[in-house]
């Protein structure tokens, strides 16, 4: 049994892999807002190309979640600092 790979499939796969690399690079360099934007773009591209039941969709969704987790932790850390300072008084 042979599998026929079409040009649109290869193009979608290449574009998605480029977005995934961008997400990884931005995340690793601490640019979490930019990584989140790229991860959301990638998620949409994966959904359009392969649907929500594809394993790459799950991986892309995980990337969005990781970016959101770090972003929310940073926001909450900024709110918690004044409270920590008051407790020491």
N, C-alpha and C. Protein backbone atom coordinates (compact mmCIF):
# COMPACT_ATOMS: atom_id res chain seq x y z
N UNK A 1 0.84 -1.18 0.00
CA UNK A 1 0.00 0.00 0.00
C UNK A 1 0.89 1.25 0.00
N UNK A 2 0.65 2.11 -0.93
CA UNK A 2 1.44 3.34 -1.00
C UNK A 2 0.58 4.52 -0.55
N UNK A 3 1.26 5.50 -0.03
CA UNK A 3 0.59 6.72 0.42
C UNK A 3 0.96 7.84 -0.53
N UNK A 4 -0.03 8.54 -1.00
CA UNK A 4 0.22 9.63 -1.93
C UNK A 4 0.30 10.94 -1.14
N UNK A 5 1.42 11.61 -1.25
CA UNK A 5 1.63 12.88 -0.56
C UNK A 5 1.50 13.99 -1.59
N UNK A 6 0.61 14.92 -1.32
CA UNK A 6 0.37 16.00 -2.28
C UNK A 6 1.16 17.25 -1.91
N UNK A 7 1.31 18.13 -2.87
CA UNK A 7 2.04 19.38 -2.65
C UNK A 7 1.38 20.24 -1.57
N UNK A 8 0.05 20.38 -1.54
CA UNK A 8 -0.55 21.18 -0.46
C UNK A 8 -0.25 20.61 0.92
N UNK A 9 -0.22 19.28 1.04
CA UNK A 9 0.11 18.65 2.31
C UNK A 9 1.53 19.00 2.73
N UNK A 10 2.46 18.87 1.80
CA UNK A 10 3.86 19.18 2.11
C UNK A 10 4.05 20.65 2.47
N UNK A 11 3.35 21.52 1.78
CA UNK A 11 3.43 22.95 2.08
C UNK A 11 2.90 23.23 3.49
N UNK A 12 1.75 22.65 3.82
CA UNK A 12 1.17 22.84 5.15
C UNK A 12 2.12 22.30 6.21
N UNK A 13 2.66 21.12 5.97
CA UNK A 13 3.55 20.50 6.94
C UNK A 13 4.80 21.36 7.15
N UNK A 14 5.37 21.89 6.08
CA UNK A 14 6.56 22.72 6.18
C UNK A 14 6.25 24.00 6.95
N UNK A 15 5.14 24.66 6.63
CA UNK A 15 4.76 25.90 7.32
C UNK A 15 4.54 25.65 8.80
N UNK A 16 3.89 24.56 9.14
CA UNK A 16 3.63 24.23 10.54
C UNK A 16 4.94 23.93 11.26
N UNK A 17 5.84 23.23 10.63
CA UNK A 17 7.13 22.94 11.28
C UNK A 17 7.91 24.22 11.52
N UNK A 18 7.83 25.18 10.60
CA UNK A 18 8.49 26.46 10.80
C UNK A 18 7.89 27.22 11.98
N UNK A 19 6.57 27.21 12.09
CA UNK A 19 5.90 27.86 13.22
C UNK A 19 6.28 27.18 14.54
N UNK A 20 6.36 25.86 14.55
CA UNK A 20 6.73 25.15 15.76
C UNK A 20 8.15 25.51 16.20
N UNK A 21 9.04 25.63 15.25
CA UNK A 21 10.41 26.02 15.57
C UNK A 21 10.46 27.45 16.12
N UNK A 22 9.63 28.32 15.56
CA UNK A 22 9.56 29.69 16.03
C UNK A 22 9.04 29.74 17.47
N UNK A 23 8.00 28.98 17.75
CA UNK A 23 7.45 28.91 19.11
C UNK A 23 8.54 28.46 20.09
N UNK A 24 9.22 27.40 19.73
CA UNK A 24 10.27 26.85 20.59
C UNK A 24 11.38 27.85 20.84
N UNK A 25 11.82 28.52 19.80
CA UNK A 25 12.89 29.50 19.92
C UNK A 25 12.48 30.69 20.78
N UNK A 26 11.29 31.22 20.54
CA UNK A 26 10.80 32.36 21.32
C UNK A 26 10.62 31.98 22.79
N UNK A 27 10.07 30.82 23.03
CA UNK A 27 9.85 30.34 24.40
C UNK A 27 11.18 30.19 25.13
N UNK A 28 12.15 29.59 24.45
CA UNK A 28 13.47 29.36 25.06
C UNK A 28 14.19 30.67 25.38
N UNK A 29 13.92 31.70 24.59
CA UNK A 29 14.58 32.99 24.83
C UNK A 29 13.78 33.89 25.79
N UNK A 30 12.68 33.36 26.33
CA UNK A 30 11.91 34.11 27.31
C UNK A 30 10.93 35.10 26.73
N UNK A 31 10.71 35.05 25.44
CA UNK A 31 9.75 35.95 24.78
C UNK A 31 8.38 35.26 24.74
N UNK A 32 7.74 35.20 25.91
CA UNK A 32 6.54 34.38 26.08
C UNK A 32 5.32 34.93 25.35
N UNK A 33 5.15 36.23 25.30
CA UNK A 33 3.99 36.79 24.58
C UNK A 33 4.11 36.51 23.09
N UNK A 34 5.30 36.68 22.54
CA UNK A 34 5.52 36.39 21.12
C UNK A 34 5.39 34.90 20.86
N UNK A 35 5.87 34.07 21.79
CA UNK A 35 5.73 32.62 21.65
C UNK A 35 4.26 32.23 21.67
N UNK A 36 3.47 32.87 22.53
CA UNK A 36 2.04 32.58 22.59
C UNK A 36 1.35 32.93 21.28
N UNK A 37 1.68 34.09 20.72
CA UNK A 37 1.08 34.49 19.44
C UNK A 37 1.43 33.49 18.33
N UNK A 38 2.69 33.07 18.30
CA UNK A 38 3.11 32.09 17.29
C UNK A 38 2.45 30.74 17.52
N UNK A 39 2.31 30.35 18.79
CA UNK A 39 1.67 29.07 19.12
C UNK A 39 0.20 29.07 18.71
N UNK A 40 -0.48 30.19 18.90
CA UNK A 40 -1.88 30.28 18.50
C UNK A 40 -2.02 30.26 16.99
N UNK A 41 -1.11 30.90 16.29
CA UNK A 41 -1.11 30.86 14.82
C UNK A 41 -0.88 29.43 14.34
N UNK A 42 0.07 28.75 14.97
CA UNK A 42 0.37 27.37 14.62
C UNK A 42 -0.83 26.47 14.87
N UNK A 43 -1.50 26.66 15.99
CA UNK A 43 -2.67 25.86 16.33
C UNK A 43 -3.75 26.00 15.26
N UNK A 44 -3.99 27.22 14.81
CA UNK A 44 -4.97 27.45 13.75
C UNK A 44 -4.57 26.79 12.44
N UNK A 45 -3.29 26.87 12.13
CA UNK A 45 -2.80 26.25 10.88
C UNK A 45 -2.94 24.73 10.94
N UNK A 46 -2.64 24.15 12.08
CA UNK A 46 -2.76 22.70 12.23
C UNK A 46 -4.22 22.28 12.13
N UNK A 47 -5.09 23.04 12.78
CA UNK A 47 -6.52 22.70 12.72
C UNK A 47 -7.03 22.76 11.28
N UNK A 48 -6.64 23.80 10.56
CA UNK A 48 -7.06 23.94 9.16
C UNK A 48 -6.53 22.80 8.29
N UNK A 49 -5.27 22.43 8.51
CA UNK A 49 -4.63 21.43 7.65
C UNK A 49 -5.00 20.00 8.01
N UNK A 50 -5.08 19.70 9.31
CA UNK A 50 -5.21 18.30 9.73
C UNK A 50 -6.42 18.01 10.61
N UNK A 51 -7.05 19.03 11.16
CA UNK A 51 -8.19 18.83 12.03
C UNK A 51 -7.79 18.67 13.49
N UNK A 52 -8.82 18.66 14.35
CA UNK A 52 -8.58 18.62 15.79
C UNK A 52 -8.23 17.23 16.32
N UNK A 53 -8.39 16.20 15.52
CA UNK A 53 -8.11 14.85 15.99
C UNK A 53 -6.69 14.39 15.68
N UNK A 54 -5.91 15.23 15.06
CA UNK A 54 -4.54 14.88 14.69
C UNK A 54 -3.61 15.08 15.89
N UNK A 55 -2.60 14.24 16.00
CA UNK A 55 -1.67 14.34 17.13
C UNK A 55 -0.91 15.66 17.14
N UNK A 56 -0.66 16.23 15.97
CA UNK A 56 0.05 17.51 15.92
C UNK A 56 -0.83 18.62 16.50
N UNK A 57 -2.16 18.47 16.39
CA UNK A 57 -3.06 19.44 17.01
C UNK A 57 -2.92 19.39 18.53
N UNK A 58 -2.85 18.19 19.08
CA UNK A 58 -2.68 18.04 20.53
C UNK A 58 -1.35 18.65 20.98
N UNK A 59 -0.31 18.43 20.22
CA UNK A 59 1.00 19.00 20.55
C UNK A 59 0.96 20.53 20.49
N UNK A 60 0.30 21.06 19.47
CA UNK A 60 0.19 22.51 19.32
C UNK A 60 -0.65 23.11 20.44
N UNK A 61 -1.68 22.42 20.84
CA UNK A 61 -2.51 22.87 21.95
C UNK A 61 -1.70 22.89 23.25
N UNK A 62 -0.85 21.90 23.40
CA UNK A 62 0.04 21.85 24.56
C UNK A 62 1.00 23.04 24.57
N UNK A 63 1.50 23.43 23.41
CA UNK A 63 2.39 24.59 23.31
C UNK A 63 1.67 25.87 23.74
N UNK A 64 0.43 26.04 23.31
CA UNK A 64 -0.36 27.20 23.72
C UNK A 64 -0.52 27.19 25.24
N UNK A 65 -0.84 26.03 25.79
CA UNK A 65 -1.01 25.90 27.23
C UNK A 65 0.26 26.25 28.00
N UNK A 66 1.40 25.81 27.52
CA UNK A 66 2.67 26.10 28.19
C UNK A 66 2.94 27.60 28.18
N UNK A 67 2.66 28.26 27.07
CA UNK A 67 2.86 29.71 26.99
C UNK A 67 1.92 30.45 27.92
N UNK A 68 0.67 30.01 27.98
CA UNK A 68 -0.31 30.63 28.87
C UNK A 68 0.08 30.44 30.34
N UNK A 69 0.58 29.26 30.66
CA UNK A 69 0.98 28.97 32.04
C UNK A 69 2.10 29.90 32.49
N UNK A 70 3.11 30.08 31.66
CA UNK A 70 4.22 30.96 32.01
C UNK A 70 3.76 32.41 32.09
N UNK A 71 2.94 32.82 31.13
CA UNK A 71 2.44 34.20 31.14
C UNK A 71 1.63 34.48 32.40
N UNK A 72 0.74 33.57 32.74
CA UNK A 72 -0.09 33.76 33.93
C UNK A 72 0.74 33.73 35.20
N UNK A 73 1.76 32.88 35.24
CA UNK A 73 2.64 32.82 36.41
C UNK A 73 3.38 34.14 36.58
N UNK A 74 3.82 34.73 35.48
CA UNK A 74 4.50 36.03 35.55
C UNK A 74 3.55 37.11 36.04
N UNK A 75 2.34 37.11 35.55
CA UNK A 75 1.35 38.11 35.98
C UNK A 75 1.03 37.95 37.46
N UNK A 76 0.85 36.72 37.89
CA UNK A 76 0.52 36.47 39.29
C UNK A 76 1.70 36.77 40.20
N UNK A 77 2.91 36.55 39.73
CA UNK A 77 4.09 36.86 40.53
C UNK A 77 4.17 38.35 40.80
N UNK A 78 3.82 39.15 39.80
CA UNK A 78 3.83 40.60 39.98
C UNK A 78 2.80 41.05 41.00
N UNK A 79 1.68 40.37 41.06
CA UNK A 79 0.62 40.70 42.03
C UNK A 79 0.98 40.20 43.42
N UNK A 80 1.72 39.11 43.50
CA UNK A 80 2.02 38.52 44.80
C UNK A 80 3.17 39.24 45.50
N UNK A 81 4.04 39.90 44.75
CA UNK A 81 5.19 40.55 45.37
C UNK A 81 4.80 41.55 46.45
N UNK A 82 3.86 42.47 46.20
CA UNK A 82 3.49 43.41 47.28
C UNK A 82 2.95 42.70 48.51
N UNK A 83 2.24 41.60 48.32
CA UNK A 83 1.72 40.85 49.46
C UNK A 83 2.84 40.21 50.25
N UNK A 84 3.83 39.68 49.57
CA UNK A 84 4.98 39.05 50.24
C UNK A 84 5.73 40.11 51.04
N UNK A 85 5.87 41.29 50.48
CA UNK A 85 6.57 42.37 51.15
C UNK A 85 5.83 42.77 52.43
N UNK A 86 4.50 42.82 52.38
CA UNK A 86 3.72 43.19 53.56
C UNK A 86 3.82 42.15 54.66
N UNK A 87 3.94 40.90 54.31
CA UNK A 87 4.04 39.83 55.32
C UNK A 87 5.32 39.92 56.12
N UNK A 88 6.37 40.47 55.52
CA UNK A 88 7.64 40.58 56.23
C UNK A 88 7.64 41.70 57.24
N UNK A 89 6.71 42.59 57.14
CA UNK A 89 6.68 43.75 58.04
C UNK A 89 6.20 43.38 59.42
